[in-house]
Amino acid sequence: MYEAAGPVDLHDFAADYAVDFAADFANAVRTGLAQPQKVIPARFFYDETGSRLFEAITQLPEYYPTRTETAILSEHAGAIAAAVGPGRVVVEYGSGSSTKTPLLLKPLQPSAYVPVDISGEFLAQSAAALAVQFPGLPILPVIADFTRSFQLPDPVAALPRLGFFPGSTLGNLGPSAAIDLLRSFADVLGPGSWLVIGLDLAPGAGKSVAMLEAAYDDAAGVTAAFNFNLLHRINRELAGTVRTDDFAHRAIWNEGGGRIEMHLVARIDTQFRAAGQNFALAAGETIHTEDSHKWTLAESRLMACASGWSPQAQWTDERARFAVHLWRHEGGAIQP
């Protein structure tokens, strides 16, 4: 199917990126913990440890999104391939372990695969595993924070593209920021490109608030460990002195905001040093670590159109808990 490809190499200036990312983390901690509502952006969850913890989360019985999206893709990947056609470069944003990727690659017959992820070591391992499954498929991993500007590898610059953004990762952003990110995808992928995107649906007849909250506060405590890894990263990487036992994990549904919120809550008055500065939290104060917005189908369509994408198809599970969308970018304004 493919011409012989060489070994998988990280297609990126990894050393320079690592330096930039370390500085970005330090700046985000100094800035975020100085605010009245303390915050650390969710993108800093995903060092190697955080990436592995998230993969463990996706296997939990409470965490319905991964298995639901996987089932939808398994059923409808053929329809996606028929609409898109063969020979496209598949660019996967936030690829992680790429467990869902083969579901698309097999029927799509792509010309190349470009996984983009923030965790370089995790990215290399998952790309190497995919290379075994798809011998001869050019795989060009890119270490990058896809919410910031980055370039695709030169070998795919002139080829038609399909973006793949599974896992409802878009939900980490509010509506305005989500639209900005989708616009950036359109700019990178170019006119005539396609986007396959998974979005978690808002509570309704098939999904209760209790189901949502359990997905982010599992009985085994894996999501809590994922959240706490931010504090461990501060201690490891920013000369932090955080006493992690002073904090607790909290996940709540914010009805007005249409989102699950994750926080690290101070159990007692606590003080620590990080990134060269001193910080203090009173008992009950929180560090806001993640938002996970949930969308209605109508909201999803409006976001697509507002960001330059034309909705082509959508599929949900029978309980309407999750949706996979197929959008196309033609360039220019789109009417909802």
Protein backbone atom coordinates (compact mmCIF):
# COMPACT_ATOMS: atom_id res chain seq x y z
CA MET A 1 0.00 0.00 0.00
CA TYR A 2 2.82 2.41 0.93
CA GLU A 3 6.36 2.88 -0.25
CA ALA A 4 9.01 1.82 2.25
CA ALA A 5 9.45 4.38 5.04
CA GLY A 6 12.45 4.93 7.27
CA PRO A 7 12.51 4.79 11.06
CA VAL A 8 10.26 7.15 13.02
CA ASP A 9 12.07 10.32 14.11
CA LEU A 10 10.72 13.26 16.10
CA HIS A 11 10.16 15.83 13.36
CA ASP A 12 10.78 18.91 15.47
CA PHE A 13 13.35 21.06 17.22
CA ALA A 14 12.88 19.13 20.44
CA ALA A 15 15.63 20.71 22.54
CA ASP A 16 14.55 24.27 21.76
CA TYR A 17 10.93 23.37 22.38
CA ALA A 18 11.74 21.80 25.75
CA VAL A 19 13.43 25.01 26.89
CA ASP A 20 10.49 27.13 25.73
CA PHE A 21 8.00 24.82 27.39
CA ALA A 22 9.85 24.88 30.73
CA ALA A 23 9.80 28.67 30.69
CA ASP A 24 6.13 28.62 29.73
CA PHE A 25 5.30 26.36 32.69
CA ALA A 26 7.19 28.56 35.14
CA ASN A 27 5.51 31.71 33.82
CA ALA A 28 2.05 30.11 33.91
CA VAL A 29 2.52 29.04 37.53
CA ARG A 30 3.81 32.45 38.64
CA THR A 31 0.98 34.25 36.83
CA GLY A 32 -1.81 31.79 37.60
CA LEU A 33 -1.13 31.41 41.30
CA ALA A 34 -1.00 35.19 41.75
CA GLN A 35 -4.63 35.59 40.65
CA PRO A 36 -7.57 35.83 43.08
CA GLN A 37 -8.92 32.58 41.59
CA LYS A 38 -5.72 30.63 41.25
CA VAL A 39 -5.37 28.69 38.02
CA ILE A 40 -2.93 26.44 36.18
CA PRO A 41 -3.80 25.78 32.50
CA ALA A 42 -4.80 22.20 31.71
CA ARG A 43 -2.15 21.83 29.01
CA PHE A 44 0.42 21.32 31.77
CA PHE A 45 -1.18 18.03 32.80
CA TYR A 46 0.57 16.26 29.95
CA ASP A 47 4.15 15.51 30.84
CA GLU A 48 5.07 11.82 30.46
CA THR A 49 3.55 10.91 33.84
CA GLY A 50 0.40 12.90 33.17
CA SER A 51 -0.01 11.38 29.72
CA ARG A 52 0.22 7.87 31.16
CA LEU A 53 -2.26 8.71 33.90
CA PHE A 54 -4.70 10.05 31.33
CA GLU A 55 -4.42 6.85 29.31
CA ALA A 56 -5.28 4.98 32.52
CA ILE A 57 -8.29 7.25 33.00
CA THR A 58 -9.60 6.30 29.56
CA GLN A 59 -9.79 2.66 30.69
CA LEU A 60 -11.85 3.37 33.83
CA PRO A 61 -15.46 2.16 34.00
CA GLU A 62 -16.67 5.66 34.92
CA TYR A 63 -14.96 7.31 31.97
CA TYR A 64 -17.49 6.79 29.17
CA PRO A 65 -16.11 9.24 26.53
CA THR A 66 -13.25 7.08 25.22
CA ARG A 67 -15.17 3.83 24.76
CA THR A 68 -18.21 5.69 23.38
CA GLU A 69 -16.17 7.63 20.83
CA THR A 70 -14.24 4.50 19.90
CA ALA A 71 -17.50 2.66 19.20
CA ILE A 72 -18.77 5.52 17.02
CA LEU A 73 -15.53 5.62 15.03
CA SER A 74 -15.52 1.85 14.63
CA GLU A 75 -19.01 1.97 13.15
CA HIS A 76 -18.63 5.01 10.91
CA ALA A 77 -14.96 5.17 9.84
CA GLY A 78 -15.93 3.69 6.49
CA ALA A 79 -18.42 6.49 5.87
CA ILE A 80 -15.77 9.06 6.78
CA ALA A 81 -13.30 7.48 4.37
CA ALA A 82 -15.89 7.39 1.59
CA ALA A 83 -16.62 11.11 2.04
CA VAL A 84 -12.99 12.20 2.30
CA GLY A 85 -11.30 9.93 -0.21
CA PRO A 86 -7.84 8.30 -0.06
CA GLY A 87 -4.38 9.84 -0.08
CA ARG A 88 -4.70 12.56 2.55
CA VAL A 89 -2.21 13.39 5.26
CA VAL A 90 -3.83 12.68 8.63
CA VAL A 91 -2.79 15.30 11.21
CA GLU A 92 -3.81 14.23 14.70
CA TYR A 93 -3.92 16.92 17.37
CA GLY A 94 -3.05 15.77 20.89
CA SER A 95 -2.43 12.24 19.68
CA GLY A 96 -1.51 10.71 23.06
CA SER A 97 -1.26 6.95 22.69
CA SER A 98 -3.04 7.10 19.29
CA THR A 99 -5.32 4.21 20.28
CA LYS A 100 -8.22 5.47 18.14
CA THR A 101 -6.02 6.36 15.19
CA PRO A 102 -5.96 2.93 13.48
CA LEU A 103 -9.75 3.04 13.22
CA LEU A 104 -9.35 5.91 10.74
CA LEU A 105 -6.04 5.03 9.12
CA LYS A 106 -7.17 1.61 7.89
CA PRO A 107 -10.10 2.79 5.73
CA LEU A 108 -8.60 6.20 4.84
CA GLN A 109 -5.43 4.91 3.15
CA PRO A 110 -3.55 8.14 3.99
CA SER A 111 -0.38 9.38 2.31
CA ALA A 112 1.23 10.15 5.71
CA TYR A 113 0.42 10.45 9.39
CA VAL A 114 1.49 13.45 11.51
CA PRO A 115 0.81 13.00 15.23
CA VAL A 116 1.15 16.23 17.25
CA ASP A 117 1.59 16.02 21.01
CA ILE A 118 3.15 17.95 23.86
CA SER A 119 4.87 14.95 25.47
CA GLY A 120 7.87 14.03 23.33
CA GLU A 121 8.78 10.67 24.86
CA PHE A 122 5.18 9.50 24.92
CA LEU A 123 4.76 10.68 21.32
CA ALA A 124 7.81 8.76 20.12
CA GLN A 125 6.63 5.54 21.76
CA SER A 126 3.11 5.72 20.33
CA ALA A 127 4.41 6.66 16.86
CA ALA A 128 6.78 3.71 16.90
CA ALA A 129 3.92 1.38 17.87
CA LEU A 130 1.81 2.67 14.97
CA ALA A 131 4.72 2.17 12.58
CA VAL A 132 4.56 -1.55 13.40
CA GLN A 133 0.83 -1.65 12.61
CA PHE A 134 1.23 0.34 9.37
CA PRO A 135 4.58 -0.67 7.83
CA GLY A 136 5.58 1.72 5.08
CA LEU A 137 3.26 4.54 6.15
CA PRO A 138 5.33 7.73 6.55
CA ILE A 139 4.92 8.81 10.20
CA LEU A 140 6.24 12.27 11.06
CA PRO A 141 5.71 13.07 14.77
CA VAL A 142 5.76 16.71 15.86
CA ILE A 143 6.41 17.77 19.45
CA ALA A 144 4.21 20.85 19.93
CA ASP A 145 1.53 22.50 21.98
CA PHE A 146 -1.10 22.60 19.25
CA THR A 147 -2.83 25.57 20.92
CA ARG A 148 0.20 27.60 19.83
CA SER A 149 1.62 28.19 16.36
CA PHE A 150 3.60 25.33 14.83
CA GLN A 151 4.53 24.13 11.36
CA LEU A 152 3.80 20.85 9.67
CA PRO A 153 6.80 18.89 8.38
CA ASP A 154 8.05 19.96 4.96
CA PRO A 155 7.37 16.56 3.29
CA VAL A 156 3.59 17.02 3.72
CA ALA A 157 3.41 20.77 3.07
CA ALA A 158 1.85 20.41 -0.38
CA LEU A 159 -0.40 17.40 0.28
CA PRO A 160 -4.15 17.43 1.00
CA ARG A 161 -4.96 17.02 4.69
CA LEU A 162 -7.42 15.70 7.20
CA GLY A 163 -7.30 16.82 10.82
CA PHE A 164 -8.21 14.37 13.58
CA PHE A 165 -9.10 15.81 17.00
CA PRO A 166 -10.66 13.07 19.15
CA GLY A 167 -11.37 12.90 22.86
CA SER A 168 -13.40 16.12 23.19
CA THR A 169 -10.16 17.94 24.03
CA LEU A 170 -11.77 21.07 22.58
CA GLY A 171 -13.88 21.12 25.75
CA ASN A 172 -10.86 22.34 27.73
CA LEU A 173 -11.44 25.73 26.11
CA GLY A 174 -14.32 28.16 26.47
CA PRO A 175 -16.44 28.94 23.38
CA SER A 176 -14.38 31.92 22.18
CA ALA A 177 -11.03 30.18 22.64
CA ALA A 178 -12.43 27.00 21.08
CA ILE A 179 -13.45 28.93 17.96
CA ASP A 180 -9.99 30.52 17.78
CA LEU A 181 -8.36 27.08 17.96
CA LEU A 182 -10.64 25.69 15.26
CA ARG A 183 -9.73 28.67 13.07
CA SER A 184 -6.06 27.88 13.60
CA PHE A 185 -6.72 24.29 12.50
CA ALA A 186 -8.36 25.63 9.35
CA ASP A 187 -5.33 27.85 8.68
CA VAL A 188 -2.84 25.00 9.14
CA LEU A 189 -4.83 22.36 7.26
CA GLY A 190 -5.85 24.75 4.47
CA PRO A 191 -8.84 25.10 2.11
CA GLY A 192 -10.26 21.80 0.95
CA SER A 193 -9.22 20.05 4.15
CA TRP A 194 -11.42 17.95 6.42
CA LEU A 195 -11.67 17.65 10.20
CA VAL A 196 -12.90 14.68 12.22
CA ILE A 197 -13.61 15.92 15.73
CA GLY A 198 -15.09 14.28 18.81
CA LEU A 199 -17.18 16.39 21.19
CA ASP A 200 -18.69 15.31 24.49
CA LEU A 201 -22.38 16.14 24.68
CA ALA A 202 -24.14 18.15 27.37
CA PRO A 203 -26.28 16.34 29.97
CA GLY A 204 -29.62 15.20 28.68
CA ALA A 205 -31.97 12.23 28.64
CA GLY A 206 -29.11 9.77 28.13
CA LYS A 207 -26.54 11.34 30.45
CA SER A 208 -26.97 12.62 33.97
CA VAL A 209 -24.87 15.15 35.87
CA ALA A 210 -23.95 12.34 38.27
CA MET A 211 -22.51 10.33 35.35
CA LEU A 212 -20.47 13.33 34.26
CA GLU A 213 -19.05 14.04 37.70
CA ALA A 214 -18.14 10.39 38.24
CA ALA A 215 -16.17 10.43 34.99
CA TYR A 216 -13.92 13.12 36.51
CA ASP A 217 -13.83 11.76 40.07
CA ASP A 218 -13.46 7.99 39.74
CA ALA A 219 -13.60 5.60 42.66
CA ALA A 220 -10.03 4.38 42.10
CA GLY A 221 -8.62 7.90 42.41
CA VAL A 222 -6.82 7.90 39.05
CA THR A 223 -8.24 11.27 38.02
CA ALA A 224 -7.23 12.67 41.41
CA ALA A 225 -3.67 11.43 40.78
CA PHE A 226 -3.77 13.07 37.34
CA ASN A 227 -4.78 16.35 38.96
CA PHE A 228 -2.17 16.04 41.72
CA ASN A 229 0.55 15.46 39.13
CA LEU A 230 0.47 19.23 38.53
CA LEU A 231 1.65 19.77 42.11
CA HIS A 232 4.30 17.08 41.74
CA ARG A 233 5.49 18.77 38.52
CA ILE A 234 5.80 22.08 40.37
CA ASN A 235 7.95 20.39 43.00
CA ARG A 236 10.04 18.48 40.44
CA GLU A 237 10.54 21.15 37.81
CA LEU A 238 10.11 24.52 39.54
CA ALA A 239 11.92 23.89 42.85
CA GLY A 240 8.51 23.77 44.52
CA THR A 241 7.85 23.12 48.20
CA VAL A 242 4.17 22.20 47.88
CA ARG A 243 2.88 19.85 50.59
CA THR A 244 0.54 17.81 48.43
CA ASP A 245 -1.28 16.39 51.47
CA ASP A 246 -2.57 19.92 52.05
CA PHE A 247 -4.78 19.57 48.96
CA ALA A 248 -7.77 17.55 47.79
CA HIS A 249 -9.17 16.80 44.32
CA ARG A 250 -12.59 18.21 43.40
CA ALA A 251 -14.70 17.79 40.24
CA ILE A 252 -18.04 19.60 39.93
CA TRP A 253 -20.59 20.36 37.22
CA ASN A 254 -21.02 24.12 36.58
CA GLU A 255 -24.52 24.34 35.13
CA GLY A 256 -24.27 28.01 34.13
CA GLY A 257 -20.95 27.49 32.39
CA GLY A 258 -21.93 24.20 30.78
CA ARG A 259 -18.76 22.52 32.00
CA ILE A 260 -17.13 20.17 34.45
CA GLU A 261 -14.54 21.98 36.57
CA MET A 262 -11.55 20.34 38.25
CA HIS A 263 -9.88 22.02 41.21
CA LEU A 264 -7.18 21.35 43.77
CA VAL A 265 -8.69 22.48 47.05
CA ALA A 266 -6.61 23.59 50.05
CA ARG A 267 -7.63 21.44 53.03
CA ILE A 268 -5.92 23.83 55.44
CA ASP A 269 -4.09 27.15 55.28
CA THR A 270 -0.94 26.39 53.33
CA GLN A 271 2.14 28.17 52.00
CA PHE A 272 4.80 27.10 49.50
CA ARG A 273 7.44 28.37 47.13
CA ALA A 274 7.56 27.72 43.38
CA ALA A 275 9.31 29.24 40.37
CA GLY A 276 11.14 31.64 42.66
CA GLN A 277 8.05 33.08 44.33
CA ASN A 278 6.06 32.51 47.53
CA PHE A 279 2.37 31.62 47.49
CA ALA A 280 -0.32 31.07 50.11
CA LEU A 281 -3.81 29.58 50.04
CA ALA A 282 -6.38 29.78 52.81
CA ALA A 283 -8.35 26.67 53.71
CA GLY A 284 -11.05 26.19 51.07
CA GLU A 285 -9.26 28.19 48.36
CA THR A 286 -8.75 26.33 45.09
CA ILE A 287 -6.41 26.08 42.16
CA HIS A 288 -8.62 25.75 39.07
CA THR A 289 -6.89 23.18 36.86
CA GLU A 290 -9.34 22.19 34.13
CA ASP A 291 -12.59 23.03 32.42
CA SER A 292 -14.29 20.42 30.30
CA HIS A 293 -17.12 22.04 28.36
CA LYS A 294 -19.96 19.91 27.08
CA TRP A 295 -21.76 20.92 23.92
CA THR A 296 -25.18 20.45 22.37
CA LEU A 297 -25.32 19.44 18.71
CA ALA A 298 -26.60 22.92 17.82
CA GLU A 299 -23.71 24.57 19.66
CA SER A 300 -21.25 22.30 17.85
CA ARG A 301 -22.64 23.35 14.49
CA LEU A 302 -22.44 27.04 15.39
CA MET A 303 -18.81 26.66 16.50
CA ALA A 304 -17.94 24.94 13.23
CA CYS A 305 -19.48 27.67 11.10
CA ALA A 306 -18.02 30.49 13.21
CA SER A 307 -14.53 29.06 12.71
CA GLY A 308 -14.71 28.50 8.96
CA TRP A 309 -15.73 24.84 8.90
CA SER A 310 -18.76 23.47 7.09
CA PRO A 311 -20.55 20.63 8.94
CA GLN A 312 -20.95 17.61 6.67
CA ALA A 313 -22.06 14.79 8.97
CA GLN A 314 -22.37 13.81 12.62
CA TRP A 315 -22.82 10.56 14.49
CA THR A 316 -23.78 9.89 18.11
CA ASP A 317 -24.19 6.82 20.27
CA GLU A 318 -27.72 5.61 20.95
CA ARG A 319 -27.83 7.40 24.33
CA ALA A 320 -26.58 10.70 22.86
CA ARG A 321 -23.62 10.94 25.24
CA PHE A 322 -20.94 11.73 22.65
CA ALA A 323 -20.75 12.90 19.03
CA VAL A 324 -18.22 12.55 16.22
CA HIS A 325 -18.42 15.28 13.58
CA LEU A 326 -17.08 15.53 10.03
CA TRP A 327 -16.41 19.09 8.85
CA ARG A 328 -14.90 20.54 5.67
CA HIS A 329 -12.98 23.79 5.19
CA GLU A 330 -13.66 25.53 1.90
CA GLY A 331 -12.29 28.95 2.85
CA GLY A 332 -14.45 32.03 3.40
CA ALA A 333 -17.54 32.54 5.54
CA ILE A 334 -19.88 29.68 6.42
CA GLN A 335 -23.59 30.12 7.09
CA PRO A 336 -24.98 28.14 10.05
